[in-house]
N, C-alpha and C. Protein backbone atom coordinates (compact mmCIF):
# COMPACT_ATOMS: atom_id res chain seq x y z
N MET A 1 -80.03 -55.41 -50.07
CA MET A 1 -79.02 -55.93 -51.34
C MET A 1 -77.61 -56.32 -50.44
N ALA A 2 -76.98 -57.44 -50.90
CA ALA A 2 -76.07 -58.19 -50.45
C ALA A 2 -74.96 -57.68 -50.49
N THR A 3 -73.66 -56.95 -49.95
CA THR A 3 -72.30 -56.73 -50.07
C THR A 3 -71.48 -57.28 -49.77
N ALA A 4 -70.52 -57.46 -50.30
CA ALA A 4 -69.38 -58.13 -49.48
C ALA A 4 -67.77 -57.50 -49.85
N SER A 5 -66.91 -57.60 -49.21
CA SER A 5 -65.47 -57.62 -49.93
C SER A 5 -64.59 -58.49 -49.54
N ALA A 6 -64.03 -58.38 -50.77
CA ALA A 6 -62.91 -59.84 -51.08
C ALA A 6 -61.58 -59.26 -51.59
N LEU A 7 -60.67 -60.43 -51.65
CA LEU A 7 -58.90 -60.03 -51.89
C LEU A 7 -59.52 -61.32 -52.76
N HIS A 8 -58.35 -61.14 -53.99
CA HIS A 8 -58.38 -62.10 -55.00
C HIS A 8 -56.79 -62.15 -55.80
N ILE A 9 -56.33 -63.17 -56.20
CA ILE A 9 -55.51 -63.67 -56.86
C ILE A 9 -55.64 -64.08 -58.21
N LEU A 10 -55.55 -63.73 -59.67
CA LEU A 10 -55.68 -63.69 -60.83
C LEU A 10 -54.75 -64.62 -61.31
N VAL A 11 -54.83 -65.76 -61.82
CA VAL A 11 -53.73 -66.56 -62.86
C VAL A 11 -53.94 -67.03 -63.99
N LYS A 12 -53.65 -67.66 -64.74
CA LYS A 12 -53.71 -68.34 -66.30
C LYS A 12 -54.07 -69.49 -66.09
N THR A 13 -53.35 -70.53 -65.41
CA THR A 13 -53.56 -71.61 -64.99
C THR A 13 -53.85 -72.23 -63.81
N GLU A 14 -54.42 -73.19 -63.57
CA GLU A 14 -54.90 -73.95 -62.41
C GLU A 14 -53.53 -74.40 -61.20
N LYS A 15 -52.03 -74.56 -62.51
CA LYS A 15 -51.13 -75.12 -61.58
C LYS A 15 -50.76 -73.83 -61.16
N GLU A 16 -50.76 -72.80 -61.56
CA GLU A 16 -49.92 -71.72 -60.75
C GLU A 16 -51.13 -71.40 -59.52
N ALA A 17 -52.16 -71.33 -59.81
CA ALA A 17 -52.97 -71.05 -58.80
C ALA A 17 -52.54 -72.12 -57.48
N LEU A 18 -52.48 -73.33 -58.13
CA LEU A 18 -52.33 -74.34 -56.81
C LEU A 18 -51.13 -73.94 -55.99
N SER A 19 -49.86 -73.46 -57.14
CA SER A 19 -48.39 -72.97 -56.05
C SER A 19 -48.83 -72.06 -55.42
N ILE A 20 -50.04 -71.05 -55.71
CA ILE A 20 -49.69 -70.03 -54.97
C ILE A 20 -50.40 -70.36 -53.80
N LEU A 21 -51.58 -71.29 -53.87
CA LEU A 21 -52.36 -71.90 -52.65
C LEU A 21 -51.64 -72.26 -51.66
N ALA A 22 -50.74 -73.33 -51.97
CA ALA A 22 -49.55 -73.67 -51.29
C ALA A 22 -48.79 -73.03 -50.65
N GLN A 23 -48.41 -71.76 -51.04
CA GLN A 23 -47.49 -70.77 -50.40
C GLN A 23 -48.37 -70.01 -49.27
N LEU A 24 -49.40 -69.73 -49.72
CA LEU A 24 -50.74 -69.19 -48.60
C LEU A 24 -50.93 -70.25 -47.62
N ASN A 25 -50.84 -71.40 -47.99
CA ASN A 25 -51.02 -72.47 -46.79
C ASN A 25 -49.81 -72.61 -45.43
N LYS A 26 -48.91 -72.31 -46.30
CA LYS A 26 -47.29 -71.91 -45.26
C LYS A 26 -47.06 -71.02 -44.92
N GLY A 27 -48.29 -69.95 -45.04
CA GLY A 27 -48.18 -68.86 -43.87
C GLY A 27 -47.48 -67.80 -44.77
N LYS A 28 -47.46 -67.82 -45.85
CA LYS A 28 -47.37 -66.52 -46.91
C LYS A 28 -48.43 -65.09 -47.07
N ASP A 29 -48.17 -64.21 -47.29
CA ASP A 29 -49.13 -62.79 -46.98
C ASP A 29 -49.69 -62.88 -48.47
N PHE A 30 -50.92 -62.96 -48.15
CA PHE A 30 -52.13 -63.02 -49.39
C PHE A 30 -51.67 -61.65 -50.15
N ALA A 31 -51.53 -60.43 -49.77
CA ALA A 31 -51.43 -58.92 -50.50
C ALA A 31 -49.86 -59.14 -51.15
N THR A 32 -49.04 -59.55 -51.00
CA THR A 32 -47.77 -59.85 -51.12
C THR A 32 -47.79 -60.65 -52.49
N LEU A 33 -48.55 -61.89 -52.73
CA LEU A 33 -48.34 -62.38 -53.24
C LEU A 33 -48.81 -62.45 -54.25
N ALA A 34 -50.14 -61.68 -54.24
CA ALA A 34 -51.23 -61.15 -54.99
C ALA A 34 -50.66 -59.92 -56.04
N LYS A 35 -49.62 -59.28 -55.11
CA LYS A 35 -48.55 -58.25 -56.08
C LYS A 35 -47.89 -58.76 -56.87
N ARG A 36 -47.45 -59.69 -56.29
CA ARG A 36 -46.24 -60.51 -57.13
C ARG A 36 -47.06 -61.06 -58.70
N HIS A 37 -48.10 -62.31 -58.37
CA HIS A 37 -48.44 -62.91 -59.28
C HIS A 37 -49.81 -62.55 -60.08
N SER A 38 -50.71 -61.89 -59.32
CA SER A 38 -51.89 -61.94 -59.95
C SER A 38 -51.81 -60.67 -61.43
N THR A 39 -52.83 -61.00 -62.34
CA THR A 39 -53.00 -60.53 -63.55
C THR A 39 -54.21 -59.50 -63.55
N CYS A 40 -54.62 -59.41 -62.38
CA CYS A 40 -55.59 -58.25 -62.15
C CYS A 40 -55.04 -57.00 -61.75
N PRO A 41 -56.08 -55.81 -62.50
CA PRO A 41 -55.71 -54.84 -61.94
C PRO A 41 -55.23 -54.33 -60.25
N SER A 42 -56.36 -55.01 -59.55
CA SER A 42 -56.39 -55.13 -58.24
C SER A 42 -54.87 -55.33 -57.47
N LYS A 43 -54.27 -56.01 -58.15
CA LYS A 43 -52.63 -56.24 -57.46
C LYS A 43 -51.90 -55.37 -57.00
N LYS A 44 -52.27 -54.45 -57.12
CA LYS A 44 -51.80 -52.69 -57.09
C LYS A 44 -52.26 -52.74 -55.26
N ARG A 45 -53.45 -53.06 -55.07
CA ARG A 45 -53.93 -53.07 -54.14
C ARG A 45 -54.03 -54.44 -52.98
N GLY A 46 -52.86 -54.89 -53.42
CA GLY A 46 -52.89 -56.52 -52.66
C GLY A 46 -53.96 -57.23 -53.05
N GLY A 47 -54.70 -57.07 -54.19
CA GLY A 47 -55.98 -58.17 -54.71
C GLY A 47 -56.99 -58.14 -53.85
N ASP A 48 -57.24 -56.39 -53.63
CA ASP A 48 -58.11 -55.80 -52.89
C ASP A 48 -59.35 -55.11 -53.71
N LEU A 49 -60.79 -56.22 -54.09
CA LEU A 49 -61.56 -55.42 -54.79
C LEU A 49 -62.34 -54.63 -54.31
N GLY A 50 -61.99 -53.87 -53.30
CA GLY A 50 -63.04 -53.25 -52.13
C GLY A 50 -64.55 -54.01 -52.03
N GLU A 51 -65.69 -53.17 -51.92
CA GLU A 51 -67.04 -53.67 -51.56
C GLU A 51 -67.90 -53.68 -53.12
N PHE A 52 -68.58 -54.76 -53.02
CA PHE A 52 -69.48 -54.92 -54.17
C PHE A 52 -70.44 -55.78 -53.68
N ARG A 53 -71.48 -55.41 -54.95
CA ARG A 53 -72.69 -56.28 -54.34
C ARG A 53 -73.01 -57.35 -55.15
N ARG A 54 -73.83 -58.21 -54.83
CA ARG A 54 -74.35 -60.05 -54.99
C ARG A 54 -74.41 -59.48 -56.66
N GLY A 55 -73.95 -59.98 -57.51
CA GLY A 55 -74.30 -60.11 -59.58
C GLY A 55 -73.50 -59.03 -60.00
N GLN A 56 -72.80 -58.37 -59.25
CA GLN A 56 -71.39 -57.88 -60.09
C GLN A 56 -70.51 -58.49 -60.54
N MET A 57 -69.98 -59.32 -60.38
CA MET A 57 -68.75 -60.39 -60.27
C MET A 57 -69.53 -61.37 -60.76
N VAL A 58 -69.14 -62.34 -61.96
CA VAL A 58 -69.18 -63.64 -62.64
C VAL A 58 -69.85 -64.43 -61.28
N LYS A 59 -70.91 -65.83 -62.16
CA LYS A 59 -71.17 -66.50 -60.97
C LYS A 59 -70.43 -67.01 -60.20
N ALA A 60 -69.71 -67.78 -61.12
CA ALA A 60 -68.68 -68.57 -59.88
C ALA A 60 -67.86 -67.98 -59.12
N PHE A 61 -67.47 -66.56 -59.16
CA PHE A 61 -66.86 -65.93 -58.00
C PHE A 61 -67.94 -65.47 -56.99
N ASP A 62 -69.02 -65.06 -57.21
CA ASP A 62 -70.12 -64.32 -56.45
C ASP A 62 -70.46 -65.82 -55.60
N ASP A 63 -70.43 -67.55 -56.16
CA ASP A 63 -70.92 -67.71 -55.66
C ASP A 63 -69.86 -68.47 -54.20
N VAL A 64 -69.19 -68.13 -54.31
CA VAL A 64 -67.74 -68.54 -53.16
C VAL A 64 -67.98 -67.27 -52.32
N VAL A 65 -67.52 -65.83 -52.98
CA VAL A 65 -67.80 -64.63 -51.55
C VAL A 65 -69.11 -64.90 -50.87
N PHE A 66 -69.92 -65.32 -51.80
CA PHE A 66 -71.40 -65.02 -50.88
C PHE A 66 -72.32 -65.99 -50.34
N LYS A 67 -71.01 -67.52 -50.55
CA LYS A 67 -71.81 -68.59 -49.74
C LYS A 67 -70.53 -69.12 -48.70
N LYS A 68 -69.53 -69.14 -49.75
CA LYS A 68 -68.13 -70.22 -48.75
C LYS A 68 -67.88 -69.17 -47.15
N GLU A 69 -66.74 -69.87 -46.28
CA GLU A 69 -66.62 -69.18 -45.58
C GLU A 69 -65.45 -67.99 -45.24
N VAL A 70 -65.69 -67.34 -44.40
CA VAL A 70 -65.11 -66.02 -44.99
C VAL A 70 -64.02 -65.80 -43.82
N LEU A 71 -62.95 -65.11 -44.51
CA LEU A 71 -61.21 -65.14 -44.00
C LEU A 71 -60.52 -66.58 -44.42
N LYS A 72 -61.36 -67.56 -45.81
CA LYS A 72 -60.49 -68.39 -46.03
C LYS A 72 -60.71 -68.05 -46.90
N VAL A 73 -59.21 -68.99 -47.84
CA VAL A 73 -58.74 -68.74 -49.14
C VAL A 73 -59.41 -70.26 -49.84
N HIS A 74 -60.28 -69.74 -50.84
CA HIS A 74 -61.13 -70.43 -51.74
C HIS A 74 -60.47 -70.84 -53.27
N GLY A 75 -60.64 -71.82 -53.51
CA GLY A 75 -60.44 -72.12 -54.91
C GLY A 75 -59.40 -73.25 -55.47
N PRO A 76 -58.47 -73.09 -56.30
CA PRO A 76 -58.87 -72.11 -57.78
C PRO A 76 -60.21 -72.47 -57.82
N VAL A 77 -60.69 -71.26 -58.36
CA VAL A 77 -62.30 -71.00 -59.16
C VAL A 77 -61.67 -70.27 -60.37
N LYS A 78 -62.49 -71.40 -61.23
CA LYS A 78 -62.35 -70.97 -62.91
C LYS A 78 -63.21 -70.12 -63.28
N THR A 79 -63.14 -69.18 -63.78
CA THR A 79 -63.83 -68.21 -64.54
C THR A 79 -63.23 -67.94 -65.93
N ARG A 80 -63.89 -66.96 -67.09
CA ARG A 80 -63.65 -66.97 -68.22
C ARG A 80 -62.70 -65.58 -68.00
N PHE A 81 -61.94 -65.35 -67.25
CA PHE A 81 -60.48 -64.70 -66.67
C PHE A 81 -59.37 -65.44 -66.33
N GLY A 82 -59.56 -66.67 -66.05
CA GLY A 82 -58.71 -67.43 -65.40
C GLY A 82 -59.43 -67.97 -64.32
N TYR A 83 -57.65 -68.45 -63.19
CA TYR A 83 -58.21 -69.35 -62.18
C TYR A 83 -58.10 -68.28 -61.04
N HIS A 84 -59.00 -68.08 -59.75
CA HIS A 84 -59.05 -67.32 -58.98
C HIS A 84 -58.47 -68.13 -57.61
N LEU A 85 -57.95 -67.19 -56.67
CA LEU A 85 -57.82 -67.67 -55.35
C LEU A 85 -58.60 -66.46 -54.71
N ILE A 86 -59.82 -66.87 -54.04
CA ILE A 86 -60.76 -65.79 -53.21
C ILE A 86 -60.66 -65.66 -51.50
N LYS A 87 -59.98 -64.72 -51.07
CA LYS A 87 -60.65 -64.56 -49.69
C LYS A 87 -61.33 -63.42 -49.62
N THR A 88 -62.69 -63.79 -49.06
CA THR A 88 -63.80 -62.90 -48.18
C THR A 88 -63.44 -61.85 -47.02
N LEU A 89 -63.49 -61.30 -46.96
CA LEU A 89 -63.11 -60.74 -45.67
C LEU A 89 -64.54 -60.17 -45.56
N TYR A 90 -65.62 -59.84 -45.96
CA TYR A 90 -66.78 -59.41 -44.87
C TYR A 90 -68.04 -59.90 -46.04
N ARG A 91 -69.04 -59.88 -45.41
CA ARG A 91 -70.34 -59.94 -46.42
C ARG A 91 -71.23 -59.41 -45.58
N SER A 92 -72.42 -58.91 -46.09
CA SER A 92 -73.60 -58.48 -45.36
C SER A 92 -74.89 -59.47 -45.95
N ARG A 93 -75.65 -59.35 -45.17
CA ARG A 93 -76.78 -60.50 -45.74
C ARG A 93 -77.81 -59.43 -46.09
């Protein structure tokens, strides 16, 4: 079973996600921005979700983590929880 580890920042609006993405693209630290802006409890760990298996997250989130480039920030990705910026740290096949 494929596993992965990812960081994410969850916010309520696409506009907020795009604003944070712009800061990340200018070199701001992901963990610092997660602690400041994310609405997910993982913000205490800098957005770190730890390791999880394919299928444990909602499909849109899974698709990014298990299909897109690793160590690159992807998003905003809309789910029923809000808008995510996702950075996959590693994954196994």
